[in-house]
Amino acid sequence: MNYSDLSSRLLHLGERLAKHAGKIDGETLGRSARRLAAQLDAFEEHLNSYLASRKSGELLLETLIRSPAAKRHLTFDLLKHGLREIAGKRLKSEDLPAAKREFVELIHEAGKQEKGVEFLQDAFAQAIHVEAGGKDKAHLQREFVRLGQLADEEFAQEIGKRTFGELRRVAGVNGIKFTDKTTKQRLTALIRRYAQRAAVNIAATRVPSHS
């Protein structure tokens, strides 16, 4: 749908209707007008909902990009990866402050505010969890071994429930090297390989010696 064309058509129709409003009569035209009015009410409601959501997404995206978490964890490489993953575009800026502005502008242009917000929230959550370590680290290490013990079908079902950020946390805590360019599919394959290896190694240490 070309909304610019629709806007022009509605404006033109509105002008014609206003010009002849006092002279129009007839049941057929009246029924058509009532149906059109109902459809316009529905369209206006959907439009208002969309615009409110878009405005909310824009505000949240800009708030996140300036948040304390961004100051601590947001990097140039992370913005490059996010923009490419979300909007299929490349950053032209060469420094972090300019890259932040360009990231927000291009995400807005692409209408991908919600995905931009999701990406940043996920990235910050991952960074905070990895930084926290402690009990969370021990839990992710046990989870890593458990994943290695699963059959292929069970592993696929488990991975399907995890976000990219969760997989990055599991990989990071368990020493799997990856970069911002590593895709979810590639990271899943790496986790599968090394988790199976870890499970085998642990099982081997539990086998009693017969010597």
C-alpha atoms as a PDB file:
ATOM      1  CA  MET A   1       0.000   0.000   0.000  1.00  0.00           C
ATOM      2  CA  ASN A   2       1.280   3.440  -0.990  1.00  0.00           C
ATOM      3  CA  TYR A   3       0.090   5.605   1.889  1.00  0.00           C
ATOM      4  CA  SER A   4       1.138   8.806   0.151  1.00  0.00           C
ATOM      5  CA  ASP A   5      -1.202   7.990  -2.746  1.00  0.00           C
ATOM      6  CA  LEU A   6      -3.951   7.069  -0.298  1.00  0.00           C
ATOM      7  CA  SER A   7      -3.519  10.385   1.503  1.00  0.00           C
ATOM      8  CA  SER A   8      -3.795  12.314  -1.784  1.00  0.00           C
ATOM      9  CA  ARG A   9      -6.868  10.335  -2.788  1.00  0.00           C
ATOM     10  CA  LEU A  10      -8.601  10.987   0.535  1.00  0.00           C
ATOM     11  CA  LEU A  11      -7.810  14.698   0.325  1.00  0.00           C
ATOM     12  CA  HIS A  12      -9.209  14.894  -3.204  1.00  0.00           C
ATOM     13  CA  LEU A  13     -12.318  12.956  -2.227  1.00  0.00           C
ATOM     14  CA  GLY A  14     -12.806  15.149   0.827  1.00  0.00           C
ATOM     15  CA  GLU A  15     -12.649  18.308  -1.278  1.00  0.00           C
ATOM     16  CA  ARG A  16     -15.234  16.951  -3.752  1.00  0.00           C
ATOM     17  CA  LEU A  17     -17.484  15.808  -0.923  1.00  0.00           C
ATOM     18  CA  ALA A  18     -17.291  19.199   0.829  1.00  0.00           C
ATOM     19  CA  LYS A  19     -18.093  20.971  -2.431  1.00  0.00           C
ATOM     20  CA  HIS A  20     -21.235  18.923  -3.125  1.00  0.00           C
ATOM     21  CA  ALA A  21     -22.262  17.927   0.425  1.00  0.00           C
ATOM     22  CA  GLY A  22     -25.444  20.024   0.391  1.00  0.00           C
ATOM     23  CA  LYS A  23     -26.677  18.502  -2.863  1.00  0.00           C
ATOM     24  CA  ILE A  24     -25.970  14.793  -2.295  1.00  0.00           C
ATOM     25  CA  ASP A  25     -28.941  12.468  -1.693  1.00  0.00           C
ATOM     26  CA  GLY A  26     -29.985   8.855  -2.279  1.00  0.00           C
ATOM     27  CA  GLU A  27     -30.127   5.659  -0.199  1.00  0.00           C
ATOM     28  CA  THR A  28     -27.451   3.824  -2.191  1.00  0.00           C
ATOM     29  CA  LEU A  29     -24.902   6.575  -1.681  1.00  0.00           C
ATOM     30  CA  GLY A  30     -25.953   6.874   1.968  1.00  0.00           C
ATOM     31  CA  ARG A  31     -25.343   3.169   2.665  1.00  0.00           C
ATOM     32  CA  SER A  32     -21.948   3.410   0.990  1.00  0.00           C
ATOM     33  CA  ALA A  33     -21.102   6.494   3.048  1.00  0.00           C
ATOM     34  CA  ARG A  34     -22.038   4.713   6.304  1.00  0.00           C
ATOM     35  CA  ARG A  35     -19.817   1.734   5.418  1.00  0.00           C
ATOM     36  CA  LEU A  36     -16.969   4.080   4.514  1.00  0.00           C
ATOM     37  CA  ALA A  37     -17.348   5.973   7.805  1.00  0.00           C
ATOM     38  CA  ALA A  38     -17.136   2.704   9.778  1.00  0.00           C
ATOM     39  CA  GLN A  39     -14.048   1.625   7.833  1.00  0.00           C
ATOM     40  CA  LEU A  40     -12.445   5.035   8.391  1.00  0.00           C
ATOM     41  CA  ASP A  41     -13.089   4.727  12.134  1.00  0.00           C
ATOM     42  CA  ALA A  42     -11.318   1.352  12.180  1.00  0.00           C
ATOM     43  CA  PHE A  43      -8.431   2.634  10.060  1.00  0.00           C
ATOM     44  CA  GLU A  44      -7.980   5.701  12.250  1.00  0.00           C
ATOM     45  CA  GLU A  45      -7.862   3.513  15.365  1.00  0.00           C
ATOM     46  CA  HIS A  46      -5.178   1.275  13.842  1.00  0.00           C
ATOM     47  CA  LEU A  47      -3.213   4.304  12.650  1.00  0.00           C
ATOM     48  CA  ASN A  48      -3.303   5.934  16.089  1.00  0.00           C
ATOM     49  CA  SER A  49      -2.157   2.689  17.710  1.00  0.00           C
ATOM     50  CA  TYR A  50       0.715   2.332  15.227  1.00  0.00           C
ATOM     51  CA  LEU A  51       1.877   5.925  15.643  1.00  0.00           C
ATOM     52  CA  ALA A  52       1.745   5.675  19.444  1.00  0.00           C
ATOM     53  CA  SER A  53       3.766   2.449  19.358  1.00  0.00           C
ATOM     54  CA  ARG A  54       6.305   3.941  16.960  1.00  0.00           C
ATOM     55  CA  LYS A  55       6.708   7.049  19.111  1.00  0.00           C
ATOM     56  CA  SER A  56       7.130   4.886  22.205  1.00  0.00           C
ATOM     57  CA  GLY A  57       9.769   2.774  20.441  1.00  0.00           C
ATOM     58  CA  GLU A  58      11.663   5.862  19.294  1.00  0.00           C
ATOM     59  CA  LEU A  59      11.695   7.314  22.793  1.00  0.00           C
ATOM     60  CA  LEU A  60      12.799   4.052  24.407  1.00  0.00           C
ATOM     61  CA  LEU A  61      15.545   3.533  21.832  1.00  0.00           C
ATOM     62  CA  GLU A  62      16.959   7.009  22.430  1.00  0.00           C
ATOM     63  CA  THR A  63      16.699   6.525  26.199  1.00  0.00           C
ATOM     64  CA  LEU A  64      18.614   3.244  26.011  1.00  0.00           C
ATOM     65  CA  ILE A  65      21.367   4.682  23.822  1.00  0.00           C
ATOM     66  CA  ARG A  66      21.999   7.363  26.477  1.00  0.00           C
ATOM     67  CA  SER A  67      21.534   5.148  29.547  1.00  0.00           C
ATOM     68  CA  PRO A  68      24.206   4.307  32.166  1.00  0.00           C
ATOM     69  CA  ALA A  69      24.263   0.757  30.777  1.00  0.00           C
ATOM     70  CA  ALA A  70      25.119   2.147  27.330  1.00  0.00           C
ATOM     71  CA  LYS A  71      27.934   4.262  28.757  1.00  0.00           C
ATOM     72  CA  ARG A  72      29.368   1.148  30.352  1.00  0.00           C
ATOM     73  CA  HIS A  73      28.748  -1.551  27.762  1.00  0.00           C
ATOM     74  CA  LEU A  74      27.962   0.007  24.363  1.00  0.00           C
ATOM     75  CA  THR A  75      30.819  -0.291  21.859  1.00  0.00           C
ATOM     76  CA  PHE A  76      31.362   0.762  18.282  1.00  0.00           C
ATOM     77  CA  ASP A  77      31.534  -2.893  17.172  1.00  0.00           C
ATOM     78  CA  LEU A  78      28.264  -3.676  18.948  1.00  0.00           C
ATOM     79  CA  LEU A  79      26.503  -0.836  17.103  1.00  0.00           C
ATOM     80  CA  LYS A  80      27.936  -2.026  13.763  1.00  0.00           C
ATOM     81  CA  HIS A  81      26.738  -5.556  14.398  1.00  0.00           C
ATOM     82  CA  GLY A  82      23.309  -4.412  15.598  1.00  0.00           C
ATOM     83  CA  LEU A  83      22.666  -2.117  12.640  1.00  0.00           C
ATOM     84  CA  ARG A  84      23.663  -4.806  10.175  1.00  0.00           C
ATOM     85  CA  GLU A  85      21.508  -7.442  11.913  1.00  0.00           C
ATOM     86  CA  ILE A  86      18.450  -5.232  12.412  1.00  0.00           C
ATOM     87  CA  ALA A  87      18.332  -3.055   9.306  1.00  0.00           C
ATOM     88  CA  GLY A  88      20.906  -4.576   6.936  1.00  0.00           C
ATOM     89  CA  LYS A  89      22.853  -1.305   6.874  1.00  0.00           C
ATOM     90  CA  ARG A  90      26.432  -0.257   7.609  1.00  0.00           C
ATOM     91  CA  LEU A  91      27.691   2.499   9.862  1.00  0.00           C
ATOM     92  CA  LYS A  92      29.564   5.317   8.149  1.00  0.00           C
ATOM     93  CA  SER A  93      30.606   7.061  11.369  1.00  0.00           C
ATOM     94  CA  GLU A  94      34.108   6.527  12.665  1.00  0.00           C
ATOM     95  CA  ASP A  95      33.725   7.379  16.360  1.00  0.00           C
ATOM     96  CA  LEU A  96      31.326   6.167  19.042  1.00  0.00           C
ATOM     97  CA  PRO A  97      29.321   9.389  19.694  1.00  0.00           C
ATOM     98  CA  ALA A  98      28.605   9.842  15.969  1.00  0.00           C
ATOM     99  CA  ALA A  99      27.887   6.119  15.616  1.00  0.00           C
ATOM    100  CA  LYS A 100      25.232   6.341  18.349  1.00  0.00           C
ATOM    101  CA  ARG A 101      23.441   9.165  16.531  1.00  0.00           C
ATOM    102  CA  GLU A 102      23.672   7.386  13.174  1.00  0.00           C
ATOM    103  CA  PHE A 103      22.437   4.110  14.695  1.00  0.00           C
ATOM    104  CA  VAL A 104      19.307   5.796  16.070  1.00  0.00           C
ATOM    105  CA  GLU A 105      18.641   7.701  12.820  1.00  0.00           C
ATOM    106  CA  LEU A 106      18.984   4.629  10.587  1.00  0.00           C
ATOM    107  CA  ILE A 107      16.905   2.440  12.894  1.00  0.00           C
ATOM    108  CA  HIS A 108      14.181   5.120  12.820  1.00  0.00           C
ATOM    109  CA  GLU A 109      14.327   5.348   9.023  1.00  0.00           C
ATOM    110  CA  ALA A 110      13.959   1.582   8.740  1.00  0.00           C
ATOM    111  CA  GLY A 111      11.032   1.565  11.188  1.00  0.00           C
ATOM    112  CA  LYS A 112      12.823  -1.051  13.309  1.00  0.00           C
ATOM    113  CA  GLN A 113      12.626   0.727  16.678  1.00  0.00           C
ATOM    114  CA  GLU A 114      11.246  -2.279  18.553  1.00  0.00           C
ATOM    115  CA  LYS A 115      13.990  -4.562  17.237  1.00  0.00           C
ATOM    116  CA  GLY A 116      16.584  -1.926  18.063  1.00  0.00           C
ATOM    117  CA  VAL A 117      15.312  -1.731  21.642  1.00  0.00           C
ATOM    118  CA  GLU A 118      15.270  -5.530  21.930  1.00  0.00           C
ATOM    119  CA  PHE A 119      18.831  -5.792  20.604  1.00  0.00           C
ATOM    120  CA  LEU A 120      20.231  -3.221  23.051  1.00  0.00           C
ATOM    121  CA  GLN A 121      18.355  -4.628  26.049  1.00  0.00           C
ATOM    122  CA  ASP A 122      19.605  -8.106  25.208  1.00  0.00           C
ATOM    123  CA  ALA A 123      23.195  -6.919  24.744  1.00  0.00           C
ATOM    124  CA  PHE A 124      23.214  -4.973  28.021  1.00  0.00           C
ATOM    125  CA  ALA A 125      21.648  -7.869  29.932  1.00  0.00           C
ATOM    126  CA  GLN A 126      24.315 -10.211  28.571  1.00  0.00           C
ATOM    127  CA  ALA A 127      27.122  -7.856  29.554  1.00  0.00           C
ATOM    128  CA  ILE A 128      25.729  -7.419  33.058  1.00  0.00           C
ATOM    129  CA  HIS A 129      25.318 -11.169  33.585  1.00  0.00           C
ATOM    130  CA  VAL A 130      28.814 -11.980  32.371  1.00  0.00           C
ATOM    131  CA  GLU A 131      30.187  -9.210  34.552  1.00  0.00           C
ATOM    132  CA  ALA A 132      28.309 -10.482  37.585  1.00  0.00           C
ATOM    133  CA  GLY A 133      29.890 -13.964  37.542  1.00  0.00           C
ATOM    134  CA  GLY A 134      29.516 -15.767  40.892  1.00  0.00           C
ATOM    135  CA  LYS A 135      26.436 -17.967  41.239  1.00  0.00           C
ATOM    136  CA  ASP A 136      25.265 -17.075  37.755  1.00  0.00           C
ATOM    137  CA  LYS A 137      28.575 -18.249  36.334  1.00  0.00           C
ATOM    138  CA  ALA A 138      28.355 -21.579  38.145  1.00  0.00           C
ATOM    139  CA  HIS A 139      24.774 -22.045  36.936  1.00  0.00           C
ATOM    140  CA  LEU A 140      25.750 -21.362  33.309  1.00  0.00           C
ATOM    141  CA  GLN A 141      28.629 -23.812  33.564  1.00  0.00           C
ATOM    142  CA  ARG A 142      26.283 -26.557  34.793  1.00  0.00           C
ATOM    143  CA  GLU A 143      23.789 -25.632  32.083  1.00  0.00           C
ATOM    144  CA  PHE A 144      26.556 -25.910  29.485  1.00  0.00           C
ATOM    145  CA  VAL A 145      27.340 -29.482  30.514  1.00  0.00           C
ATOM    146  CA  ARG A 146      23.644 -30.379  30.575  1.00  0.00           C
ATOM    147  CA  LEU A 147      23.263 -29.123  27.004  1.00  0.00           C
ATOM    148  CA  GLY A 148      26.142 -31.371  25.993  1.00  0.00           C
ATOM    149  CA  GLN A 149      24.361 -34.406  27.443  1.00  0.00           C
ATOM    150  CA  LEU A 150      21.187 -33.888  25.397  1.00  0.00           C
ATOM    151  CA  ALA A 151      20.314 -35.821  22.250  1.00  0.00           C
ATOM    152  CA  ASP A 152      20.251 -33.789  19.022  1.00  0.00           C
ATOM    153  CA  GLU A 153      16.468 -33.318  19.014  1.00  0.00           C
ATOM    154  CA  GLU A 154      16.374 -32.310  22.688  1.00  0.00           C
ATOM    155  CA  PHE A 155      19.250 -29.898  22.159  1.00  0.00           C
ATOM    156  CA  ALA A 156      17.466 -28.275  19.218  1.00  0.00           C
ATOM    157  CA  GLN A 157      14.306 -27.813  21.318  1.00  0.00           C
ATOM    158  CA  GLU A 158      16.271 -26.277  24.189  1.00  0.00           C
ATOM    159  CA  ILE A 159      18.179 -23.886  21.921  1.00  0.00           C
ATOM    160  CA  GLY A 160      14.951 -22.847  20.224  1.00  0.00           C
ATOM    161  CA  LYS A 161      13.735 -21.465  23.563  1.00  0.00           C
ATOM    162  CA  ARG A 162      16.853 -19.331  24.148  1.00  0.00           C
ATOM    163  CA  THR A 163      17.461 -15.799  22.965  1.00  0.00           C
ATOM    164  CA  PHE A 164      20.681 -14.859  21.191  1.00  0.00           C
ATOM    165  CA  GLY A 165      21.761 -12.993  24.322  1.00  0.00           C
ATOM    166  CA  GLU A 166      21.288 -16.078  26.510  1.00  0.00           C
ATOM    167  CA  LEU A 167      23.389 -18.154  24.134  1.00  0.00           C
ATOM    168  CA  ARG A 168      26.113 -15.509  24.165  1.00  0.00           C
ATOM    169  CA  ARG A 169      26.160 -15.603  27.972  1.00  0.00           C
ATOM    170  CA  VAL A 170      26.446 -19.400  28.026  1.00  0.00           C
ATOM    171  CA  ALA A 171      29.257 -19.272  25.473  1.00  0.00           C
ATOM    172  CA  GLY A 172      31.111 -16.409  27.165  1.00  0.00           C
ATOM    173  CA  VAL A 173      31.094 -17.963  30.640  1.00  0.00           C
ATOM    174  CA  ASN A 174      32.290 -21.311  29.265  1.00  0.00           C
ATOM    175  CA  GLY A 175      35.254 -19.941  27.326  1.00  0.00           C
ATOM    176  CA  ILE A 176      33.872 -20.145  23.782  1.00  0.00           C
ATOM    177  CA  LYS A 177      35.394 -17.394  21.681  1.00  0.00           C
ATOM    178  CA  PHE A 178      33.067 -15.384  19.449  1.00  0.00           C
ATOM    179  CA  THR A 179      32.767 -11.846  18.113  1.00  0.00           C
ATOM    180  CA  ASP A 180      29.953  -9.395  17.400  1.00  0.00           C
ATOM    181  CA  LYS A 181      29.893 -10.835  13.868  1.00  0.00           C
ATOM    182  CA  THR A 182      29.166 -14.387  15.075  1.00  0.00           C
ATOM    183  CA  THR A 183      25.641 -15.375  14.044  1.00  0.00           C
ATOM    184  CA  LYS A 184      23.197 -17.241  16.258  1.00  0.00           C
ATOM    185  CA  GLN A 185      23.446 -20.307  13.988  1.00  0.00           C
ATOM    186  CA  ARG A 186      27.244 -20.338  14.215  1.00  0.00           C
ATOM    187  CA  LEU A 187      27.192 -19.802  17.979  1.00  0.00           C
ATOM    188  CA  THR A 188      24.709 -22.656  18.389  1.00  0.00           C
ATOM    189  CA  ALA A 189      27.058 -24.987  16.492  1.00  0.00           C
ATOM    190  CA  LEU A 190      29.999 -23.936  18.675  1.00  0.00           C
ATOM    191  CA  ILE A 191      28.016 -24.475  21.873  1.00  0.00           C
ATOM    192  CA  ARG A 192      26.916 -27.915  20.659  1.00  0.00           C
ATOM    193  CA  ARG A 193      30.470 -28.994  19.856  1.00  0.00           C
ATOM    194  CA  TYR A 194      32.150 -27.794  23.029  1.00  0.00           C
ATOM    195  CA  ALA A 195      29.263 -28.701  25.347  1.00  0.00           C
ATOM    196  CA  GLN A 196      29.391 -32.292  24.111  1.00  0.00           C
ATOM    197  CA  ARG A 197      33.143 -32.317  24.666  1.00  0.00           C
ATOM    198  CA  ALA A 198      32.719 -30.984  28.199  1.00  0.00           C
ATOM    199  CA  ALA A 199      30.030 -33.577  28.980  1.00  0.00           C
ATOM    200  CA  VAL A 200      32.273 -36.401  27.759  1.00  0.00           C
ATOM    201  CA  ASN A 201      35.224 -35.134  29.794  1.00  0.00           C
ATOM    202  CA  ILE A 202      33.156 -34.896  32.963  1.00  0.00           C
ATOM    203  CA  ALA A 203      31.684 -38.349  32.415  1.00  0.00           C
ATOM    204  CA  ALA A 204      35.192 -39.743  31.975  1.00  0.00           C
ATOM    205  CA  THR A 205      36.338 -38.322  35.318  1.00  0.00           C
ATOM    206  CA  ARG A 206      33.458 -40.067  37.058  1.00  0.00           C
ATOM    207  CA  VAL A 207      34.238 -43.539  35.683  1.00  0.00           C
ATOM    208  CA  PRO A 208      35.758 -45.583  38.541  1.00  0.00           C
ATOM    209  CA  SER A 209      39.225 -46.982  37.986  1.00  0.00           C
ATOM    210  CA  HIS A 210      39.565 -50.819  37.848  1.00  0.00           C
ATOM    211  CA  SER A 211      43.327 -50.876  38.313  1.00  0.00           C
END
